Amino acid sequence: MNQALRWVEVRKSRIHGRGVFARRDIPAGTRLIEYVGLPISKKKSAELTLKQNRYLFTLNGASDLNGKVSWNPARLINHSCEPNCEAILDDNNRVWIFSIKPIAREQELTFNHGYGLEDFMNFPCRCGAPSCVGYMVSEELITIVRSLVEGD
């Protein structure tokens, strides 16, 4: 069995389309699944961003990872304003999804997709978390976005 499939499975999500769910109880700090894809240049990444590709990860100063490939189930991990996972880039330019808190069997895996302020209103959030800001922005921007949305 694929190591990742030991921990997770893909199925319908209440957040958005399909999602990734825990097959069993997962302790905090568990490396769950690799976010795989095709390495691409920054120029190609910029082009894909303009085409609304939401599956890009920064690898280094020269290249990014395009995870919009059918063989990347981690691309289906939905955003949450109160995530239970995080994406970590290792020293070999590989992106891994780790649990940051215990995750119960059947619970959906989520991480903060970390979008910036550019066109943030084009990325509505449907996570349903009590602290949801309404948009998929990185944690450090939540206060700014909340003030923009509330008109403070």
C-alpha atoms as a PDB file:
ATOM      1  CA  MET A   1       0.000   0.000   0.000  1.00  0.00           C
ATOM      2  CA  ASN A   2       1.196   3.521  -0.810  1.00  0.00           C
ATOM      3  CA  GLN A   3       2.429   5.009   2.489  1.00  0.00           C
ATOM      4  CA  ALA A   4       0.182   8.061   2.115  1.00  0.00           C
ATOM      5  CA  LEU A   5      -2.891   5.879   1.623  1.00  0.00           C
ATOM      6  CA  ARG A   6      -2.188   4.354   5.016  1.00  0.00           C
ATOM      7  CA  TRP A   7      -3.226   7.692   6.538  1.00  0.00           C
ATOM      8  CA  VAL A   8      -5.604   9.353   4.076  1.00  0.00           C
ATOM      9  CA  GLU A   9      -8.303   8.867   1.462  1.00  0.00           C
ATOM     10  CA  VAL A  10     -10.013  11.152  -1.049  1.00  0.00           C
ATOM     11  CA  ARG A  11     -13.768  11.642  -1.023  1.00  0.00           C
ATOM     12  CA  LYS A  12     -16.518  14.270  -1.265  1.00  0.00           C
ATOM     13  CA  SER A  13     -15.971  17.333   0.926  1.00  0.00           C
ATOM     14  CA  ARG A  14     -18.418  19.761   2.530  1.00  0.00           C
ATOM     15  CA  ILE A  15     -15.785  22.497   2.097  1.00  0.00           C
ATOM     16  CA  HIS A  16     -15.247  22.228  -1.645  1.00  0.00           C
ATOM     17  CA  GLY A  17     -15.690  19.413  -4.169  1.00  0.00           C
ATOM     18  CA  ARG A  18     -13.409  16.622  -3.064  1.00  0.00           C
ATOM     19  CA  GLY A  19     -11.158  16.574  -0.030  1.00  0.00           C
ATOM     20  CA  VAL A  20      -8.629  14.415   1.792  1.00  0.00           C
ATOM     21  CA  PHE A  21      -9.765  12.633   4.958  1.00  0.00           C
ATOM     22  CA  ALA A  22      -8.085  10.717   7.760  1.00  0.00           C
ATOM     23  CA  ARG A  23      -8.439   6.944   7.415  1.00  0.00           C
ATOM     24  CA  ARG A  24      -7.429   6.546  11.059  1.00  0.00           C
ATOM     25  CA  ASP A  25      -6.589   8.713  14.044  1.00  0.00           C
ATOM     26  CA  ILE A  26      -3.474  10.745  13.251  1.00  0.00           C
ATOM     27  CA  PRO A  27      -1.136  12.100  15.933  1.00  0.00           C
ATOM     28  CA  ALA A  28       0.190  15.669  15.718  1.00  0.00           C
ATOM     29  CA  GLY A  29       3.508  15.909  13.892  1.00  0.00           C
ATOM     30  CA  THR A  30       2.834  13.044  11.465  1.00  0.00           C
ATOM     31  CA  ARG A  31       4.209  13.313   7.935  1.00  0.00           C
ATOM     32  CA  LEU A  32       1.145  12.350   5.907  1.00  0.00           C
ATOM     33  CA  ILE A  33       1.593  12.825   2.191  1.00  0.00           C
ATOM     34  CA  GLU A  34       3.943  14.435  -0.292  1.00  0.00           C
ATOM     35  CA  TYR A  35       2.617  17.276  -2.416  1.00  0.00           C
ATOM     36  CA  VAL A  36       3.981  16.214  -5.809  1.00  0.00           C
ATOM     37  CA  GLY A  37       3.929  17.737  -9.257  1.00  0.00           C
ATOM     38  CA  LEU A  38       6.085  19.175 -11.991  1.00  0.00           C
ATOM     39  CA  PRO A  39       8.949  21.585 -11.294  1.00  0.00           C
ATOM     40  CA  ILE A  40       8.476  24.728 -13.370  1.00  0.00           C
ATOM     41  CA  SER A  41      10.218  28.058 -13.878  1.00  0.00           C
ATOM     42  CA  LYS A  42       9.082  31.211 -12.098  1.00  0.00           C
ATOM     43  CA  LYS A  43       8.017  32.587 -15.490  1.00  0.00           C
ATOM     44  CA  LYS A  44       5.774  29.573 -16.165  1.00  0.00           C
ATOM     45  CA  SER A  45       4.443  29.790 -12.603  1.00  0.00           C
ATOM     46  CA  ALA A  46       3.465  33.436 -13.147  1.00  0.00           C
ATOM     47  CA  GLU A  47       1.632  32.463 -16.347  1.00  0.00           C
ATOM     48  CA  LEU A  48      -0.247  29.693 -14.554  1.00  0.00           C
ATOM     49  CA  THR A  49      -1.161  32.032 -11.702  1.00  0.00           C
ATOM     50  CA  LEU A  50      -2.816  34.351 -14.203  1.00  0.00           C
ATOM     51  CA  LYS A  51      -4.829  31.340 -15.395  1.00  0.00           C
ATOM     52  CA  GLN A  52      -6.050  30.768 -11.800  1.00  0.00           C
ATOM     53  CA  ASN A  53      -3.883  27.705 -11.125  1.00  0.00           C
ATOM     54  CA  ARG A  54      -4.156  27.332  -7.337  1.00  0.00           C
ATOM     55  CA  TYR A  55      -1.821  24.348  -7.069  1.00  0.00           C
ATOM     56  CA  LEU A  56       1.567  26.094  -7.073  1.00  0.00           C
ATOM     57  CA  PHE A  57       4.215  25.926  -4.364  1.00  0.00           C
ATOM     58  CA  THR A  58       7.394  27.969  -4.194  1.00  0.00           C
ATOM     59  CA  LEU A  59      10.415  25.661  -4.131  1.00  0.00           C
ATOM     60  CA  ASN A  60      13.288  28.125  -4.324  1.00  0.00           C
ATOM     61  CA  GLY A  61      14.359  31.337  -6.056  1.00  0.00           C
ATOM     62  CA  ALA A  62      14.415  29.690  -9.483  1.00  0.00           C
ATOM     63  CA  SER A  63      11.507  27.264  -9.567  1.00  0.00           C
ATOM     64  CA  ASP A  64       8.068  26.374  -8.283  1.00  0.00           C
ATOM     65  CA  LEU A  65       6.064  23.163  -8.129  1.00  0.00           C
ATOM     66  CA  ASN A  66       2.922  22.770 -10.235  1.00  0.00           C
ATOM     67  CA  GLY A  67       0.762  20.321  -8.305  1.00  0.00           C
ATOM     68  CA  LYS A  68      -2.117  20.411 -10.771  1.00  0.00           C
ATOM     69  CA  VAL A  69      -1.539  16.842 -11.930  1.00  0.00           C
ATOM     70  CA  SER A  70      -3.890  13.873 -11.602  1.00  0.00           C
ATOM     71  CA  TRP A  71      -1.308  11.847  -9.663  1.00  0.00           C
ATOM     72  CA  ASN A  72      -1.176  14.389  -6.806  1.00  0.00           C
ATOM     73  CA  PRO A  73      -3.971  13.578  -4.338  1.00  0.00           C
ATOM     74  CA  ALA A  74      -2.539  16.172  -1.912  1.00  0.00           C
ATOM     75  CA  ARG A  75      -3.793  18.893  -4.292  1.00  0.00           C
ATOM     76  CA  LEU A  76      -7.277  18.061  -2.978  1.00  0.00           C
ATOM     77  CA  ILE A  77      -6.485  19.110   0.592  1.00  0.00           C
ATOM     78  CA  ASN A  78      -8.794  22.056   1.126  1.00  0.00           C
ATOM     79  CA  HIS A  79      -8.052  25.385   2.769  1.00  0.00           C
ATOM     80  CA  SER A  80      -9.137  26.206   6.299  1.00  0.00           C
ATOM     81  CA  CYS A  81      -8.718  29.292   8.455  1.00  0.00           C
ATOM     82  CA  GLU A  82      -8.204  26.822  11.352  1.00  0.00           C
ATOM     83  CA  PRO A  83      -6.053  24.156   9.665  1.00  0.00           C
ATOM     84  CA  ASN A  84      -5.019  20.815  11.119  1.00  0.00           C
ATOM     85  CA  CYS A  85      -2.046  20.416   8.739  1.00  0.00           C
ATOM     86  CA  GLU A  86       0.745  22.472   7.251  1.00  0.00           C
ATOM     87  CA  ALA A  87       2.882  22.195   4.143  1.00  0.00           C
ATOM     88  CA  ILE A  88       6.618  22.032   4.796  1.00  0.00           C
ATOM     89  CA  LEU A  89       9.376  22.329   2.205  1.00  0.00           C
ATOM     90  CA  ASP A  90      12.297  20.045   3.079  1.00  0.00           C
ATOM     91  CA  ASP A  91      15.987  20.488   2.209  1.00  0.00           C
ATOM     92  CA  ASN A  92      15.512  18.452  -0.997  1.00  0.00           C
ATOM     93  CA  ASN A  93      12.797  20.777  -2.392  1.00  0.00           C
ATOM     94  CA  ARG A  94      10.051  18.299  -1.573  1.00  0.00           C
ATOM     95  CA  VAL A  95       6.766  19.543  -0.106  1.00  0.00           C
ATOM     96  CA  TRP A  96       5.279  17.404   2.661  1.00  0.00           C
ATOM     97  CA  ILE A  97       1.952  17.732   4.444  1.00  0.00           C
ATOM     98  CA  PHE A  98       2.276  17.295   8.221  1.00  0.00           C
ATOM     99  CA  SER A  99      -0.439  17.202  10.863  1.00  0.00           C
ATOM    100  CA  ILE A 100      -0.091  20.092  13.326  1.00  0.00           C
ATOM    101  CA  LYS A 101      -2.637  18.733  15.798  1.00  0.00           C
ATOM    102  CA  PRO A 102      -4.274  15.366  16.386  1.00  0.00           C
ATOM    103  CA  ILE A 103      -6.737  14.511  13.612  1.00  0.00           C
ATOM    104  CA  ALA A 104      -9.584  12.108  14.301  1.00  0.00           C
ATOM    105  CA  ARG A 105     -10.510   9.313  11.923  1.00  0.00           C
ATOM    106  CA  GLU A 106     -12.948  10.609   9.242  1.00  0.00           C
ATOM    107  CA  GLN A 107     -11.932  14.256   9.808  1.00  0.00           C
ATOM    108  CA  GLU A 108     -10.998  16.295   6.745  1.00  0.00           C
ATOM    109  CA  LEU A 109      -7.378  17.376   6.409  1.00  0.00           C
ATOM    110  CA  THR A 110      -6.900  21.092   5.790  1.00  0.00           C
ATOM    111  CA  PHE A 111      -4.091  23.595   5.573  1.00  0.00           C
ATOM    112  CA  ASN A 112      -3.884  27.328   5.067  1.00  0.00           C
ATOM    113  CA  HIS A 113      -3.235  27.872   1.368  1.00  0.00           C
ATOM    114  CA  GLY A 114      -1.572  31.163   2.239  1.00  0.00           C
ATOM    115  CA  TYR A 115      -2.688  33.416  -0.599  1.00  0.00           C
ATOM    116  CA  GLY A 116      -1.580  37.041  -0.551  1.00  0.00           C
ATOM    117  CA  LEU A 117      -3.596  40.236  -0.759  1.00  0.00           C
ATOM    118  CA  GLU A 118      -3.490  40.407  -4.552  1.00  0.00           C
ATOM    119  CA  ASP A 119      -7.018  39.650  -5.723  1.00  0.00           C
ATOM    120  CA  PHE A 120      -7.858  37.960  -2.394  1.00  0.00           C
ATOM    121  CA  MET A 121     -11.561  38.508  -3.083  1.00  0.00           C
ATOM    122  CA  ASN A 122     -11.272  36.023  -5.969  1.00  0.00           C
ATOM    123  CA  PHE A 123     -10.522  33.270  -3.428  1.00  0.00           C
ATOM    124  CA  PRO A 124     -13.541  32.922  -1.116  1.00  0.00           C
ATOM    125  CA  CYS A 125     -13.220  30.519   1.800  1.00  0.00           C
ATOM    126  CA  ARG A 126     -15.908  27.981   2.659  1.00  0.00           C
ATOM    127  CA  CYS A 127     -14.138  26.281   5.547  1.00  0.00           C
ATOM    128  CA  GLY A 128     -16.885  27.027   8.080  1.00  0.00           C
ATOM    129  CA  ALA A 129     -14.412  27.571  10.943  1.00  0.00           C
ATOM    130  CA  PRO A 130     -15.624  29.932  13.707  1.00  0.00           C
ATOM    131  CA  SER A 131     -12.734  32.306  12.941  1.00  0.00           C
ATOM    132  CA  CYS A 132     -13.153  32.144   9.146  1.00  0.00           C
ATOM    133  CA  VAL A 133     -12.263  35.446   7.510  1.00  0.00           C
ATOM    134  CA  GLY A 134     -14.201  34.570   4.346  1.00  0.00           C
ATOM    135  CA  TYR A 135     -11.155  34.435   2.062  1.00  0.00           C
ATOM    136  CA  MET A 136      -8.206  32.078   1.623  1.00  0.00           C
ATOM    137  CA  VAL A 137      -5.380  34.320   2.825  1.00  0.00           C
ATOM    138  CA  SER A 138      -2.277  33.509   4.816  1.00  0.00           C
ATOM    139  CA  GLU A 139      -2.547  33.680   8.575  1.00  0.00           C
ATOM    140  CA  GLU A 140      -0.521  36.874   8.915  1.00  0.00           C
ATOM    141  CA  LEU A 141      -2.985  38.689   6.602  1.00  0.00           C
ATOM    142  CA  ILE A 142      -6.214  37.674   8.330  1.00  0.00           C
ATOM    143  CA  THR A 143      -6.405  40.826  10.489  1.00  0.00           C
ATOM    144  CA  ILE A 144      -5.821  43.060   7.451  1.00  0.00           C
ATOM    145  CA  VAL A 145      -8.434  41.253   5.359  1.00  0.00           C
ATOM    146  CA  ARG A 146     -10.939  41.269   8.213  1.00  0.00           C
ATOM    147  CA  SER A 147     -10.568  45.073   8.507  1.00  0.00           C
ATOM    148  CA  LEU A 148     -10.903  45.516   4.723  1.00  0.00           C
ATOM    149  CA  VAL A 149     -14.023  43.358   4.578  1.00  0.00           C
ATOM    150  CA  GLU A 150     -15.631  44.923   7.643  1.00  0.00           C
ATOM    151  CA  GLY A 151     -14.725  48.430   6.452  1.00  0.00           C
ATOM    152  CA  ASP A 152     -12.741  49.483   9.506  1.00  0.00           C
END
